[in-house]
Amino acid sequence: MTAVAEQALPIEFSDAAAAKVKTLLAEEENPELKLRVYVTGGGCSGFQYGFTFDEKANDGDMTVVKEGVTLLVDPMSLQYLVGGIVDYTEGLEGSRFFVNNPNATTTCGCGASFSV
């Protein structure tokens, strides 16, 4: 098995996001769950990010494993996320997963939608 250097990956999975996924999986008591990030049309800026938990990877999904948890990205969504970082934050606005996306030319105020 060949190890791939993390900087070679097209999308990063932050330590904070991986730690939160690990906590959520422990609460759900289902270690098979993986965090899936995807892009759909819509939102106030044209595209929007989505996050869900999935038990299996689909053919063509890119996987990033960190701290024993897995991030999944489908090929269609990946083209909009290359160079991005899937992260997690807790603050006054609440807690949420988000994408720090260098491809987004504009984003909405909440950061949930973007355009390229």
Protein backbone atom coordinates (compact mmCIF):
# COMPACT_ATOMS: atom_id res chain seq x y z
CA MET A 1 0.00 0.00 0.00
CA THR A 2 1.40 3.36 -1.00
CA ALA A 3 1.14 6.26 1.41
CA VAL A 4 0.07 9.55 -0.13
CA ALA A 5 1.45 12.76 1.34
CA GLU A 6 -1.39 14.90 2.68
CA GLN A 7 -0.38 17.95 0.62
CA ALA A 8 -0.95 15.84 -2.52
CA LEU A 9 -4.66 15.55 -1.73
CA PRO A 10 -7.01 17.84 -3.66
CA ILE A 11 -8.97 18.68 -0.51
CA GLU A 12 -7.93 18.87 3.13
CA PHE A 13 -9.73 17.64 6.24
CA SER A 14 -8.86 19.86 9.21
CA ASP A 15 -7.91 18.48 12.62
CA ALA A 16 -10.94 20.26 14.14
CA ALA A 17 -13.36 18.71 11.63
CA ALA A 18 -11.87 15.23 12.04
CA ALA A 19 -12.05 15.50 15.85
CA LYS A 20 -15.71 16.58 15.70
CA VAL A 21 -16.60 13.71 13.35
CA LYS A 22 -14.84 11.30 15.72
CA THR A 23 -16.93 12.66 18.64
CA LEU A 24 -20.18 12.41 16.65
CA LEU A 25 -19.42 8.83 15.59
CA ALA A 26 -18.79 7.86 19.19
CA GLU A 27 -22.16 9.39 20.16
CA GLU A 28 -23.91 7.53 17.33
CA GLU A 29 -22.06 4.31 18.21
CA ASN A 30 -21.60 3.61 14.50
CA PRO A 31 -17.93 3.58 13.43
CA GLU A 32 -18.99 2.83 9.82
CA LEU A 33 -20.27 6.40 9.29
CA LYS A 34 -18.22 8.77 7.16
CA LEU A 35 -18.63 12.53 6.67
CA ARG A 36 -19.70 13.35 3.11
CA VAL A 37 -19.28 16.88 1.76
CA TYR A 38 -21.05 17.75 -1.48
CA VAL A 39 -21.97 20.69 -3.67
CA THR A 40 -25.48 21.27 -5.04
CA GLY A 41 -27.06 24.00 -7.08
CA GLY A 42 -28.96 26.63 -5.15
CA GLY A 43 -28.40 29.00 -2.30
CA CYS A 44 -28.16 32.75 -2.68
CA SER A 45 -24.85 32.57 -4.59
CA GLY A 46 -25.47 29.73 -7.08
CA PHE A 47 -24.00 26.67 -5.33
CA GLN A 48 -24.27 25.46 -1.78
CA TYR A 49 -22.32 23.08 0.42
CA GLY A 50 -23.93 20.09 2.06
CA PHE A 51 -22.75 17.72 4.77
CA THR A 52 -24.21 14.36 5.65
CA PHE A 53 -23.13 11.08 7.18
CA ASP A 54 -22.90 8.05 4.90
CA GLU A 55 -22.11 4.43 5.73
CA LYS A 56 -20.46 3.60 2.43
CA ALA A 57 -18.26 5.18 -0.18
CA ASN A 58 -19.58 5.17 -3.74
CA ASP A 59 -17.54 4.30 -6.83
CA GLY A 60 -15.39 7.29 -7.73
CA ASP A 61 -15.59 8.95 -4.31
CA MET A 62 -12.39 10.51 -3.05
CA THR A 63 -11.64 9.58 0.54
CA VAL A 64 -9.49 11.40 3.07
CA VAL A 65 -8.77 9.60 6.34
CA LYS A 66 -7.66 11.55 9.39
CA GLU A 67 -7.65 10.57 13.07
CA GLY A 68 -9.41 7.31 12.14
CA VAL A 69 -12.41 8.98 10.47
CA THR A 70 -13.17 9.35 6.77
CA LEU A 71 -14.23 12.29 4.61
CA LEU A 72 -15.98 11.43 1.32
CA VAL A 73 -16.31 13.67 -1.75
CA ASP A 74 -18.05 12.67 -4.97
CA PRO A 75 -16.26 13.47 -8.28
CA MET A 76 -18.81 16.12 -9.37
CA SER A 77 -18.47 18.04 -6.10
CA LEU A 78 -14.69 17.63 -5.95
CA GLN A 79 -14.19 19.80 -9.05
CA TYR A 80 -15.59 22.78 -7.09
CA LEU A 81 -13.66 21.97 -3.91
CA VAL A 82 -10.08 21.40 -5.15
CA GLY A 83 -7.66 23.21 -2.86
CA GLY A 84 -10.31 23.67 -0.18
CA ILE A 85 -10.34 22.73 3.46
CA VAL A 86 -13.27 21.04 5.21
CA ASP A 87 -13.26 22.58 8.68
CA TYR A 88 -15.39 22.87 11.81
CA THR A 89 -16.05 25.87 14.04
CA GLU A 90 -17.88 26.67 17.24
CA GLY A 91 -18.74 30.28 17.99
CA LEU A 92 -21.46 32.80 18.71
CA GLU A 93 -23.29 31.78 15.52
CA GLY A 94 -23.35 28.16 16.67
CA SER A 95 -21.31 25.19 15.57
CA ARG A 96 -20.99 23.98 12.00
CA PHE A 97 -18.89 22.24 9.41
CA PHE A 98 -17.81 24.56 6.59
CA VAL A 99 -15.55 24.67 3.53
CA ASN A 100 -12.75 27.18 3.17
CA ASN A 101 -12.86 27.23 -0.64
CA PRO A 102 -10.27 29.19 -2.68
CA ASN A 103 -12.37 28.59 -5.84
CA ALA A 104 -15.32 30.63 -4.57
CA THR A 105 -15.35 34.07 -6.17
CA THR A 106 -18.29 35.22 -4.04
CA THR A 107 -19.95 33.76 -0.97
CA CYS A 108 -23.12 34.59 0.88
CA GLY A 109 -23.08 36.12 4.33
CA CYS A 110 -23.53 32.80 6.12
CA GLY A 111 -20.84 31.06 4.03
CA ALA A 112 -23.15 28.20 3.05
CA SER A 113 -23.34 29.12 -0.64
CA PHE A 114 -20.87 30.38 -3.22
CA SER A 115 -20.24 31.04 -6.90
CA VAL A 116 -17.23 30.27 -9.07
